[in-house]
Amino acid sequence: MNDGRAAEEPESPGAAVDEAIGSQPDPLPAAGLPAARTGLTHIDSAGQARMVDVSGKEVTARTATATGRVLLSPAAVAALRDGTVPKGDALAVARIAAIQGAKRTPDLIPLCHPIGLHGVTVDLTVADDGVDIAVTARTADRTGVEMEALTAVTVGALALIDMIKAVDPAAAITNVKVLEKTGGKTGHWSRP
């Protein structure tokens, strides 16, 4: 029975994200998408990908730390430790590649905003079964630096594999993840 009042619609799944990042959901459902998928932040009313408008967000200091690991054979670990990698200083190349990866993130990740990076720290630790990579990216901008930190870890890992593949063709990248982020509307977050 209709009493003249409009039925209250449930909040769309993207509404909380829209609120958290300061974006407005699209006013119309995305064409061809089920009703449950409307309100997504990176989809316009026609169902096309879009870059979210962050111009209304406050500029805040933001950081993100990501980590990953390159699994290596004992021979590759020994070559890194004693400086006998045939291609040269693999750790130095991986560090520079990680920094370059952070700087090039919006060229690689289609909807990632280009931001001014104010710092990128790369720590490489040779362990008995590989190399641990930790990257902290810093900015003062309207959006976070999680993707820059993740990209830096991954590109650094790829460069390390390129440098060591003659010694260990089975080298593998694993466990790439964000450990912590700070700044912005959501403030501090760390992986449980």
N, C-alpha and C. Protein backbone atom coordinates (compact mmCIF):
# COMPACT_ATOMS: atom_id res chain seq x y z
N MET A 1 0.84 -1.17 0.00
CA MET A 1 0.00 0.00 0.00
C MET A 1 0.89 1.24 0.00
N ASN A 2 0.60 2.22 -0.86
CA ASN A 2 1.39 3.43 -0.97
C ASN A 2 0.68 4.54 -0.22
N ASP A 3 1.34 5.08 0.80
CA ASP A 3 0.74 6.16 1.58
C ASP A 3 1.20 7.54 1.10
N GLY A 4 1.83 7.61 -0.07
CA GLY A 4 2.25 8.88 -0.63
C GLY A 4 3.68 9.26 -0.27
N ARG A 5 4.30 8.53 0.64
CA ARG A 5 5.68 8.84 1.00
C ARG A 5 6.62 8.00 0.12
N ALA A 6 7.72 8.58 -0.21
CA ALA A 6 8.71 7.85 -1.00
C ALA A 6 9.39 6.83 -0.11
N ALA A 7 9.63 5.67 -0.66
CA ALA A 7 10.33 4.64 0.10
C ALA A 7 11.76 5.09 0.34
N GLU A 8 12.24 4.89 1.57
CA GLU A 8 13.60 5.27 1.89
C GLU A 8 14.55 4.27 1.25
N GLU A 9 15.52 4.79 0.48
CA GLU A 9 16.45 3.90 -0.19
C GLU A 9 17.63 3.62 0.72
N PRO A 10 18.16 2.40 0.69
CA PRO A 10 19.33 2.10 1.50
C PRO A 10 20.54 2.88 1.00
N GLU A 11 21.46 3.17 1.91
CA GLU A 11 22.67 3.90 1.55
C GLU A 11 23.48 3.04 0.59
N SER A 12 24.01 3.68 -0.47
CA SER A 12 24.78 2.93 -1.46
C SER A 12 26.10 2.48 -0.86
N PRO A 13 26.70 1.39 -1.39
CA PRO A 13 27.94 0.89 -0.83
C PRO A 13 29.08 1.89 -0.91
N GLY A 14 29.04 2.80 -1.86
CA GLY A 14 30.12 3.77 -2.00
C GLY A 14 29.93 5.03 -1.17
N ALA A 15 28.79 5.18 -0.50
CA ALA A 15 28.50 6.42 0.24
C ALA A 15 29.52 6.67 1.34
N ALA A 16 29.88 5.65 2.08
CA ALA A 16 30.86 5.83 3.16
C ALA A 16 32.21 6.24 2.59
N VAL A 17 32.57 5.66 1.45
CA VAL A 17 33.83 6.03 0.81
C VAL A 17 33.75 7.47 0.30
N ASP A 18 32.63 7.83 -0.33
CA ASP A 18 32.45 9.20 -0.80
C ASP A 18 32.64 10.18 0.34
N GLU A 19 32.01 9.88 1.48
CA GLU A 19 32.11 10.78 2.63
C GLU A 19 33.54 10.83 3.14
N ALA A 20 34.20 9.69 3.22
CA ALA A 20 35.55 9.63 3.75
C ALA A 20 36.55 10.40 2.90
N ILE A 21 36.39 10.35 1.57
CA ILE A 21 37.37 11.01 0.71
C ILE A 21 36.90 12.39 0.26
N GLY A 22 35.71 12.80 0.66
CA GLY A 22 35.24 14.13 0.31
C GLY A 22 34.70 14.25 -1.09
N SER A 23 34.34 13.14 -1.71
CA SER A 23 33.80 13.15 -3.06
C SER A 23 32.29 13.06 -3.00
N GLN A 24 31.65 13.51 -4.05
CA GLN A 24 30.21 13.41 -4.14
C GLN A 24 29.85 12.24 -5.03
N PRO A 25 28.89 11.42 -4.63
CA PRO A 25 28.49 10.31 -5.50
C PRO A 25 27.79 10.85 -6.74
N ASP A 26 27.78 10.05 -7.76
CA ASP A 26 27.09 10.45 -8.98
C ASP A 26 25.59 10.51 -8.73
N PRO A 27 24.91 11.52 -9.27
CA PRO A 27 23.49 11.68 -9.00
C PRO A 27 22.61 10.62 -9.66
N LEU A 28 23.06 10.01 -10.73
CA LEU A 28 22.26 9.02 -11.45
C LEU A 28 22.93 7.66 -11.37
N PRO A 29 22.15 6.59 -11.39
CA PRO A 29 22.76 5.26 -11.40
C PRO A 29 23.60 5.07 -12.66
N ALA A 30 24.67 4.33 -12.52
CA ALA A 30 25.53 4.05 -13.67
C ALA A 30 24.78 3.14 -14.64
N ALA A 31 24.79 3.53 -15.90
CA ALA A 31 24.08 2.77 -16.93
C ALA A 31 24.61 1.36 -17.02
N GLY A 32 23.71 0.40 -17.03
CA GLY A 32 24.09 -0.98 -17.19
C GLY A 32 24.64 -1.65 -15.95
N LEU A 33 24.76 -0.92 -14.86
CA LEU A 33 25.27 -1.53 -13.64
C LEU A 33 24.13 -1.81 -12.69
N PRO A 34 24.22 -2.89 -11.93
CA PRO A 34 23.17 -3.18 -10.96
C PRO A 34 23.07 -2.06 -9.93
N ALA A 35 21.90 -1.88 -9.36
CA ALA A 35 21.67 -0.81 -8.39
C ALA A 35 22.66 -0.86 -7.24
N ALA A 36 23.10 -2.05 -6.84
CA ALA A 36 24.04 -2.17 -5.73
C ALA A 36 25.41 -1.58 -6.06
N ARG A 37 25.68 -1.33 -7.33
CA ARG A 37 27.00 -0.81 -7.71
C ARG A 37 26.99 0.69 -7.96
N THR A 38 25.88 1.36 -7.82
CA THR A 38 25.86 2.80 -8.03
C THR A 38 26.48 3.50 -6.83
N GLY A 39 26.90 4.72 -7.04
CA GLY A 39 27.53 5.48 -5.97
C GLY A 39 29.01 5.18 -5.82
N LEU A 40 29.57 4.36 -6.72
CA LEU A 40 30.99 4.09 -6.67
C LEU A 40 31.76 5.35 -7.01
N THR A 41 32.84 5.59 -6.32
CA THR A 41 33.54 6.86 -6.46
C THR A 41 34.26 7.05 -7.78
N HIS A 42 34.66 5.98 -8.44
CA HIS A 42 35.44 6.12 -9.66
C HIS A 42 34.65 5.72 -10.91
N ILE A 43 33.32 5.72 -10.80
CA ILE A 43 32.44 5.42 -11.93
C ILE A 43 31.47 6.59 -12.08
N ASP A 44 31.34 7.11 -13.31
CA ASP A 44 30.41 8.22 -13.51
C ASP A 44 29.00 7.69 -13.78
N SER A 45 28.06 8.59 -14.04
CA SER A 45 26.66 8.21 -14.21
C SER A 45 26.43 7.35 -15.45
N ALA A 46 27.38 7.34 -16.38
CA ALA A 46 27.26 6.51 -17.58
C ALA A 46 28.01 5.18 -17.42
N GLY A 47 28.56 4.94 -16.22
CA GLY A 47 29.28 3.70 -15.99
C GLY A 47 30.73 3.74 -16.45
N GLN A 48 31.23 4.92 -16.78
CA GLN A 48 32.60 5.07 -17.26
C GLN A 48 33.53 5.40 -16.09
N ALA A 49 34.77 4.98 -16.21
CA ALA A 49 35.78 5.30 -15.20
C ALA A 49 36.02 6.80 -15.18
N ARG A 50 36.26 7.32 -13.99
CA ARG A 50 36.58 8.74 -13.84
C ARG A 50 37.57 8.91 -12.70
N MET A 51 38.29 10.01 -12.75
CA MET A 51 39.16 10.36 -11.64
C MET A 51 38.34 11.20 -10.67
N VAL A 52 38.36 10.84 -9.41
CA VAL A 52 37.59 11.55 -8.39
C VAL A 52 38.11 12.97 -8.25
N ASP A 53 37.19 13.92 -8.09
CA ASP A 53 37.55 15.32 -7.87
C ASP A 53 37.88 15.50 -6.39
N VAL A 54 39.13 15.80 -6.09
CA VAL A 54 39.55 15.99 -4.71
C VAL A 54 39.82 17.46 -4.38
N SER A 55 39.42 18.35 -5.28
CA SER A 55 39.73 19.77 -5.10
C SER A 55 39.10 20.36 -3.84
N GLY A 56 38.01 19.79 -3.35
CA GLY A 56 37.36 20.30 -2.15
C GLY A 56 37.97 19.78 -0.86
N LYS A 57 38.91 18.87 -0.95
CA LYS A 57 39.54 18.31 0.25
C LYS A 57 40.65 19.22 0.75
N GLU A 58 40.89 19.15 2.05
CA GLU A 58 41.96 19.95 2.64
C GLU A 58 43.32 19.33 2.33
N VAL A 59 44.30 20.21 2.16
CA VAL A 59 45.68 19.76 2.03
C VAL A 59 46.17 19.40 3.43
N THR A 60 46.64 18.18 3.61
CA THR A 60 47.19 17.75 4.89
C THR A 60 48.46 16.97 4.65
N ALA A 61 49.30 16.90 5.67
CA ALA A 61 50.50 16.06 5.61
C ALA A 61 50.04 14.61 5.64
N ARG A 62 50.59 13.80 4.77
CA ARG A 62 50.18 12.40 4.66
C ARG A 62 51.41 11.52 4.48
N THR A 63 51.36 10.33 5.05
CA THR A 63 52.41 9.34 4.85
C THR A 63 51.77 7.98 4.59
N ALA A 64 52.52 7.13 3.96
CA ALA A 64 52.11 5.74 3.80
C ALA A 64 53.38 4.89 3.80
N THR A 65 53.30 3.77 4.51
CA THR A 65 54.40 2.82 4.53
C THR A 65 53.90 1.50 3.98
N ALA A 66 54.63 0.98 3.00
CA ALA A 66 54.30 -0.31 2.39
C ALA A 66 55.53 -1.20 2.47
N THR A 67 55.28 -2.50 2.47
CA THR A 67 56.37 -3.46 2.53
C THR A 67 56.14 -4.57 1.51
N GLY A 68 57.19 -5.29 1.25
CA GLY A 68 57.13 -6.45 0.38
C GLY A 68 58.40 -7.25 0.57
N ARG A 69 58.46 -8.38 -0.09
CA ARG A 69 59.60 -9.27 0.06
C ARG A 69 59.91 -9.90 -1.29
N VAL A 70 61.20 -10.05 -1.57
CA VAL A 70 61.64 -10.82 -2.73
C VAL A 70 62.28 -12.09 -2.18
N LEU A 71 61.66 -13.22 -2.47
CA LEU A 71 62.20 -14.52 -2.05
C LEU A 71 63.33 -14.93 -2.98
N LEU A 72 64.46 -15.33 -2.39
CA LEU A 72 65.65 -15.65 -3.17
C LEU A 72 66.27 -16.97 -2.70
N SER A 73 67.04 -17.55 -3.58
CA SER A 73 67.78 -18.77 -3.25
C SER A 73 68.95 -18.41 -2.34
N PRO A 74 69.49 -19.41 -1.63
CA PRO A 74 70.68 -19.16 -0.82
C PRO A 74 71.85 -18.59 -1.63
N ALA A 75 72.01 -19.03 -2.87
CA ALA A 75 73.10 -18.53 -3.72
C ALA A 75 72.90 -17.03 -4.02
N ALA A 76 71.68 -16.62 -4.27
CA ALA A 76 71.41 -15.21 -4.56
C ALA A 76 71.63 -14.36 -3.32
N VAL A 77 71.20 -14.84 -2.17
CA VAL A 77 71.42 -14.11 -0.92
C VAL A 77 72.93 -13.96 -0.67
N ALA A 78 73.68 -15.04 -0.89
CA ALA A 78 75.13 -14.99 -0.71
C ALA A 78 75.76 -13.97 -1.66
N ALA A 79 75.30 -13.93 -2.91
CA ALA A 79 75.84 -12.97 -3.88
C ALA A 79 75.55 -11.53 -3.46
N LEU A 80 74.37 -11.29 -2.91
CA LEU A 80 74.04 -9.95 -2.42
C LEU A 80 74.93 -9.58 -1.24
N ARG A 81 75.11 -10.52 -0.34
CA ARG A 81 75.90 -10.24 0.88
C ARG A 81 77.37 -10.03 0.59
N ASP A 82 77.92 -10.78 -0.37
CA ASP A 82 79.37 -10.62 -0.62
C ASP A 82 79.68 -9.75 -1.84
N GLY A 83 78.65 -9.13 -2.42
CA GLY A 83 78.89 -8.19 -3.50
C GLY A 83 79.32 -8.82 -4.82
N THR A 84 78.85 -10.04 -5.09
CA THR A 84 79.27 -10.72 -6.33
C THR A 84 78.13 -10.90 -7.33
N VAL A 85 77.10 -10.07 -7.23
CA VAL A 85 76.02 -10.13 -8.22
C VAL A 85 76.61 -9.70 -9.56
N PRO A 86 76.49 -10.54 -10.62
CA PRO A 86 77.13 -10.24 -11.90
C PRO A 86 76.80 -8.86 -12.49
N LYS A 87 75.59 -8.38 -12.29
CA LYS A 87 75.20 -7.10 -12.89
C LYS A 87 75.64 -5.89 -12.06
N GLY A 88 76.11 -6.10 -10.85
CA GLY A 88 76.56 -4.98 -10.02
C GLY A 88 75.77 -4.85 -8.73
N ASP A 89 75.69 -3.63 -8.21
CA ASP A 89 75.07 -3.37 -6.91
C ASP A 89 73.54 -3.42 -7.01
N ALA A 90 73.01 -4.61 -6.81
CA ALA A 90 71.57 -4.84 -6.98
C ALA A 90 70.74 -4.04 -5.99
N LEU A 91 71.22 -3.89 -4.76
CA LEU A 91 70.44 -3.16 -3.75
C LEU A 91 70.38 -1.67 -4.07
N ALA A 92 71.47 -1.10 -4.58
CA ALA A 92 71.46 0.32 -4.96
C ALA A 92 70.49 0.55 -6.12
N VAL A 93 70.51 -0.35 -7.09
CA VAL A 93 69.60 -0.23 -8.24
C VAL A 93 68.16 -0.36 -7.77
N ALA A 94 67.88 -1.31 -6.90
CA ALA A 94 66.51 -1.50 -6.38
C ALA A 94 66.03 -0.25 -5.63
N ARG A 95 66.91 0.36 -4.84
CA ARG A 95 66.54 1.57 -4.08
C ARG A 95 66.17 2.71 -5.03
N ILE A 96 67.00 2.95 -6.03
CA ILE A 96 66.72 4.04 -6.98
C ILE A 96 65.46 3.72 -7.78
N ALA A 97 65.28 2.47 -8.18
CA ALA A 97 64.07 2.08 -8.92
C ALA A 97 62.82 2.29 -8.08
N ALA A 98 62.89 1.99 -6.79
CA ALA A 98 61.74 2.19 -5.91
C ALA A 98 61.36 3.67 -5.84
N ILE A 99 62.35 4.52 -5.70
CA ILE A 99 62.08 5.97 -5.67
C ILE A 99 61.47 6.42 -6.99
N GLN A 100 62.04 5.96 -8.09
CA GLN A 100 61.51 6.32 -9.41
C GLN A 100 60.09 5.79 -9.57
N GLY A 101 59.82 4.58 -9.08
CA GLY A 101 58.47 4.02 -9.14
C GLY A 101 57.46 4.88 -8.41
N ALA A 102 57.83 5.35 -7.23
CA ALA A 102 56.93 6.24 -6.48
C ALA A 102 56.62 7.50 -7.28
N LYS A 103 57.64 8.06 -7.91
CA LYS A 103 57.46 9.29 -8.69
C LYS A 103 56.60 9.08 -9.93
N ARG A 104 56.60 7.87 -10.49
CA ARG A 104 55.87 7.59 -11.73
C ARG A 104 54.52 6.92 -11.51
N THR A 105 54.06 6.80 -10.28
CA THR A 105 52.83 6.08 -9.98
C THR A 105 51.64 6.53 -10.83
N PRO A 106 51.34 7.82 -10.96
CA PRO A 106 50.15 8.18 -11.75
C PRO A 106 50.28 7.84 -13.23
N ASP A 107 51.49 7.58 -13.71
CA ASP A 107 51.66 7.13 -15.10
C ASP A 107 51.32 5.65 -15.25
N LEU A 108 51.38 4.91 -14.14
CA LEU A 108 51.17 3.47 -14.16
C LEU A 108 49.79 3.05 -13.68
N ILE A 109 49.23 3.79 -12.74
CA ILE A 109 47.93 3.46 -12.15
C ILE A 109 46.93 4.49 -12.70
N PRO A 110 46.04 4.09 -13.59
CA PRO A 110 45.25 5.04 -14.37
C PRO A 110 44.45 6.10 -13.60
N LEU A 111 43.85 5.77 -12.47
CA LEU A 111 43.02 6.75 -11.77
C LEU A 111 43.70 7.36 -10.55
N CYS A 112 45.00 7.17 -10.45
CA CYS A 112 45.77 7.70 -9.33
C CYS A 112 46.10 9.17 -9.61
N HIS A 113 45.83 10.04 -8.63
CA HIS A 113 46.10 11.46 -8.81
C HIS A 113 47.60 11.75 -8.81
N PRO A 114 48.06 12.61 -9.71
CA PRO A 114 49.46 13.04 -9.61
C PRO A 114 49.58 13.97 -8.41
N ILE A 115 50.50 13.66 -7.53
CA ILE A 115 50.70 14.48 -6.33
C ILE A 115 52.16 14.84 -6.21
N GLY A 116 52.43 15.86 -5.43
CA GLY A 116 53.82 16.24 -5.16
C GLY A 116 54.37 15.38 -4.04
N LEU A 117 55.32 14.53 -4.36
CA LEU A 117 55.97 13.74 -3.32
C LEU A 117 57.00 14.61 -2.62
N HIS A 118 57.00 14.58 -1.32
CA HIS A 118 57.97 15.38 -0.56
C HIS A 118 59.08 14.52 0.02
N GLY A 119 58.92 13.22 0.00
CA GLY A 119 59.97 12.33 0.47
C GLY A 119 59.62 10.88 0.22
N VAL A 120 60.64 10.10 -0.09
CA VAL A 120 60.48 8.65 -0.25
C VAL A 120 61.71 8.00 0.41
N THR A 121 61.45 7.17 1.41
CA THR A 121 62.51 6.45 2.10
C THR A 121 62.39 4.98 1.74
N VAL A 122 63.50 4.38 1.34
CA VAL A 122 63.52 2.97 0.94
C VAL A 122 64.52 2.23 1.82
N ASP A 123 64.03 1.20 2.51
CA ASP A 123 64.89 0.36 3.33
C ASP A 123 64.89 -1.05 2.74
N LEU A 124 66.09 -1.56 2.47
CA LEU A 124 66.27 -2.91 1.94
C LEU A 124 67.08 -3.71 2.95
N THR A 125 66.54 -4.84 3.36
CA THR A 125 67.22 -5.67 4.35
C THR A 125 67.39 -7.07 3.77
N VAL A 126 68.64 -7.50 3.67
CA VAL A 126 68.92 -8.85 3.17
C VAL A 126 68.71 -9.82 4.33
N ALA A 127 67.79 -10.76 4.12
CA ALA A 127 67.50 -11.81 5.10
C ALA A 127 68.03 -13.13 4.55
N ASP A 128 67.92 -14.19 5.34
CA ASP A 128 68.44 -15.49 4.91
C ASP A 128 67.70 -16.09 3.72
N ASP A 129 66.45 -15.64 3.50
CA ASP A 129 65.67 -16.21 2.40
C ASP A 129 65.23 -15.17 1.37
N GLY A 130 65.81 -13.97 1.42
CA GLY A 130 65.45 -12.96 0.44
C GLY A 130 65.76 -11.55 0.91
N VAL A 131 65.02 -10.59 0.34
CA VAL A 131 65.21 -9.18 0.68
C VAL A 131 63.87 -8.60 1.09
N ASP A 132 63.84 -7.97 2.26
CA ASP A 132 62.66 -7.24 2.71
C ASP A 132 62.77 -5.82 2.22
N ILE A 133 61.68 -5.30 1.69
CA ILE A 133 61.65 -3.92 1.18
C ILE A 133 60.58 -3.16 1.96
N ALA A 134 60.95 -2.00 2.48
CA ALA A 134 60.00 -1.13 3.18
C ALA A 134 60.15 0.28 2.60
N VAL A 135 59.02 0.87 2.23
CA VAL A 135 59.03 2.21 1.64
C VAL A 135 58.05 3.09 2.41
N THR A 136 58.50 4.29 2.76
CA THR A 136 57.60 5.31 3.32
C THR A 136 57.60 6.49 2.36
N ALA A 137 56.40 6.85 1.91
CA ALA A 137 56.22 8.00 1.02
C ALA A 137 55.54 9.11 1.82
N ARG A 138 55.92 10.37 1.54
CA ARG A 138 55.38 11.52 2.24
C ARG A 138 54.95 12.60 1.27
N THR A 139 53.85 13.28 1.63
CA THR A 139 53.37 14.41 0.85
C THR A 139 52.59 15.35 1.75
N ALA A 140 52.28 16.50 1.24
CA ALA A 140 51.26 17.40 1.81
C ALA A 140 50.34 17.70 0.64
N ASP A 141 49.21 17.01 0.59
CA ASP A 141 48.34 17.11 -0.58
C ASP A 141 46.91 16.77 -0.18
N ARG A 142 46.04 16.66 -1.19
CA ARG A 142 44.61 16.40 -0.95
C ARG A 142 44.24 14.92 -1.00
N THR A 143 45.20 14.08 -1.32
CA THR A 143 44.94 12.64 -1.38
C THR A 143 46.18 11.89 -0.90
N GLY A 144 45.98 10.65 -0.51
CA GLY A 144 47.04 9.89 0.14
C GLY A 144 48.13 9.38 -0.78
N VAL A 145 49.12 8.75 -0.17
CA VAL A 145 50.29 8.26 -0.89
C VAL A 145 50.43 6.74 -0.79
N GLU A 146 49.33 6.04 -0.51
CA GLU A 146 49.39 4.58 -0.42
C GLU A 146 49.84 3.96 -1.74
N MET A 147 49.28 4.43 -2.84
CA MET A 147 49.64 3.83 -4.13
C MET A 147 51.10 4.10 -4.49
N GLU A 148 51.61 5.26 -4.11
CA GLU A 148 53.02 5.57 -4.37
C GLU A 148 53.93 4.62 -3.58
N ALA A 149 53.58 4.37 -2.31
CA ALA A 149 54.38 3.45 -1.50
C ALA A 149 54.32 2.03 -2.05
N LEU A 150 53.12 1.58 -2.43
CA LEU A 150 52.97 0.23 -2.99
C LEU A 150 53.71 0.09 -4.31
N THR A 151 53.60 1.10 -5.16
CA THR A 151 54.28 1.06 -6.46
C THR A 151 55.79 1.04 -6.25
N ALA A 152 56.27 1.83 -5.31
CA ALA A 152 57.71 1.87 -5.03
C ALA A 152 58.22 0.50 -4.60
N VAL A 153 57.51 -0.15 -3.69
CA VAL A 153 57.92 -1.48 -3.25
C VAL A 153 57.97 -2.44 -4.44
N THR A 154 56.94 -2.41 -5.26
CA THR A 154 56.85 -3.36 -6.37
C THR A 154 57.91 -3.10 -7.43
N VAL A 155 58.12 -1.85 -7.79
CA VAL A 155 59.14 -1.52 -8.81
C VAL A 155 60.54 -1.82 -8.27
N GLY A 156 60.77 -1.52 -7.00
CA GLY A 156 62.06 -1.87 -6.40
C GLY A 156 62.29 -3.37 -6.44
N ALA A 157 61.25 -4.15 -6.14
CA ALA A 157 61.35 -5.60 -6.17
C ALA A 157 61.62 -6.10 -7.59
N LEU A 158 60.94 -5.52 -8.57
CA LEU A 158 61.17 -5.92 -9.97
C LEU A 158 62.61 -5.61 -10.40
N ALA A 159 63.12 -4.45 -9.99
CA ALA A 159 64.50 -4.10 -10.35
C ALA A 159 65.49 -5.06 -9.69
N LEU A 160 65.21 -5.45 -8.44
CA LEU A 160 66.07 -6.40 -7.76
C LEU A 160 66.08 -7.74 -8.50
N ILE A 161 64.91 -8.19 -8.92
CA ILE A 161 64.83 -9.45 -9.68
C ILE A 161 65.60 -9.33 -10.99
N ASP A 162 65.48 -8.19 -11.66
CA ASP A 162 66.23 -8.00 -12.91
C ASP A 162 67.73 -8.09 -12.66
N MET A 163 68.18 -7.56 -11.55
CA MET A 163 69.61 -7.58 -11.24
C MET A 163 70.10 -8.97 -10.83
N ILE A 164 69.25 -9.79 -10.24
CA ILE A 164 69.68 -11.07 -9.64
C ILE A 164 69.24 -12.29 -10.44
N LYS A 165 68.47 -12.09 -11.51
CA LYS A 165 67.86 -13.24 -12.21
C LYS A 165 68.88 -14.21 -12.81
N ALA A 166 70.09 -13.75 -13.11
CA ALA A 166 71.12 -14.67 -13.63
C ALA A 166 71.55 -15.66 -12.55
N VAL A 167 71.49 -15.24 -11.30
CA VAL A 167 71.86 -16.10 -10.18
C VAL A 167 70.65 -16.91 -9.71
N ASP A 168 69.46 -16.28 -9.74
CA ASP A 168 68.25 -16.95 -9.24
C ASP A 168 67.06 -16.65 -10.15
N PRO A 169 66.86 -17.46 -11.19
CA PRO A 169 65.73 -17.22 -12.08
C PRO A 169 64.37 -17.49 -11.43
N ALA A 170 64.35 -18.11 -10.24
CA ALA A 170 63.09 -18.40 -9.55
C ALA A 170 62.73 -17.35 -8.50
N ALA A 171 63.45 -16.23 -8.46
CA ALA A 171 63.13 -15.17 -7.49
C ALA A 171 61.67 -14.77 -7.61
N ALA A 172 61.03 -14.48 -6.47
CA ALA A 172 59.59 -14.19 -6.47
C ALA A 172 59.26 -13.03 -5.54
N ILE A 173 58.34 -12.18 -5.99
CA ILE A 173 57.84 -11.07 -5.17
C ILE A 173 56.64 -11.57 -4.37
N THR A 174 56.60 -11.22 -3.09
CA THR A 174 55.50 -11.66 -2.25
C THR A 174 55.17 -10.62 -1.17
N ASN A 175 53.97 -10.75 -0.62
CA ASN A 175 53.53 -9.99 0.56
C ASN A 175 53.61 -8.47 0.42
N VAL A 176 53.28 -7.93 -0.74
CA VAL A 176 53.26 -6.48 -0.91
C VAL A 176 51.97 -5.95 -0.27
N LYS A 177 52.11 -4.99 0.65
CA LYS A 177 50.94 -4.48 1.37
C LYS A 177 51.25 -3.15 2.03
N VAL A 178 50.19 -2.39 2.30
CA VAL A 178 50.32 -1.16 3.08
C VAL A 178 50.32 -1.55 4.55
N LEU A 179 51.30 -1.04 5.29
CA LEU A 179 51.35 -1.30 6.73
C LEU A 179 50.69 -0.19 7.53
N GLU A 180 50.83 1.05 7.04
CA GLU A 180 50.35 2.18 7.83
C GLU A 180 50.15 3.39 6.93
N LYS A 181 49.19 4.23 7.30
CA LYS A 181 49.00 5.52 6.63
C LYS A 181 48.61 6.55 7.66
N THR A 182 48.97 7.79 7.40
CA THR A 182 48.58 8.89 8.28
C THR A 182 48.09 10.05 7.44
N GLY A 183 47.33 10.93 8.07
CA GLY A 183 46.87 12.15 7.43
C GLY A 183 45.51 12.01 6.78
N GLY A 184 45.00 13.14 6.31
CA GLY A 184 43.71 13.15 5.66
C GLY A 184 42.57 13.04 6.65
N LYS A 185 41.38 12.94 6.11
CA LYS A 185 40.17 12.90 6.95
C LYS A 185 40.12 11.67 7.85
N THR A 186 40.63 10.54 7.33
CA THR A 186 40.57 9.31 8.12
C THR A 186 41.69 9.20 9.14
N GLY A 187 42.69 10.07 9.07
CA GLY A 187 43.76 10.07 10.07
C GLY A 187 44.68 8.87 9.99
N HIS A 188 45.01 8.32 11.14
CA HIS A 188 45.98 7.22 11.23
C HIS A 188 45.30 5.87 11.04
N TRP A 189 45.92 5.02 10.23
CA TRP A 189 45.48 3.63 10.07
C TRP A 189 46.73 2.77 10.06
N SER A 190 46.66 1.63 10.74
CA SER A 190 47.75 0.67 10.65
C SER A 190 47.18 -0.73 10.54
N ARG A 191 47.92 -1.58 9.86
CA ARG A 191 47.47 -2.96 9.65
C ARG A 191 47.44 -3.67 11.00
N PRO A 192 46.31 -4.32 11.27
CA PRO A 192 46.21 -5.05 12.56
C PRO A 192 47.19 -6.20 12.64
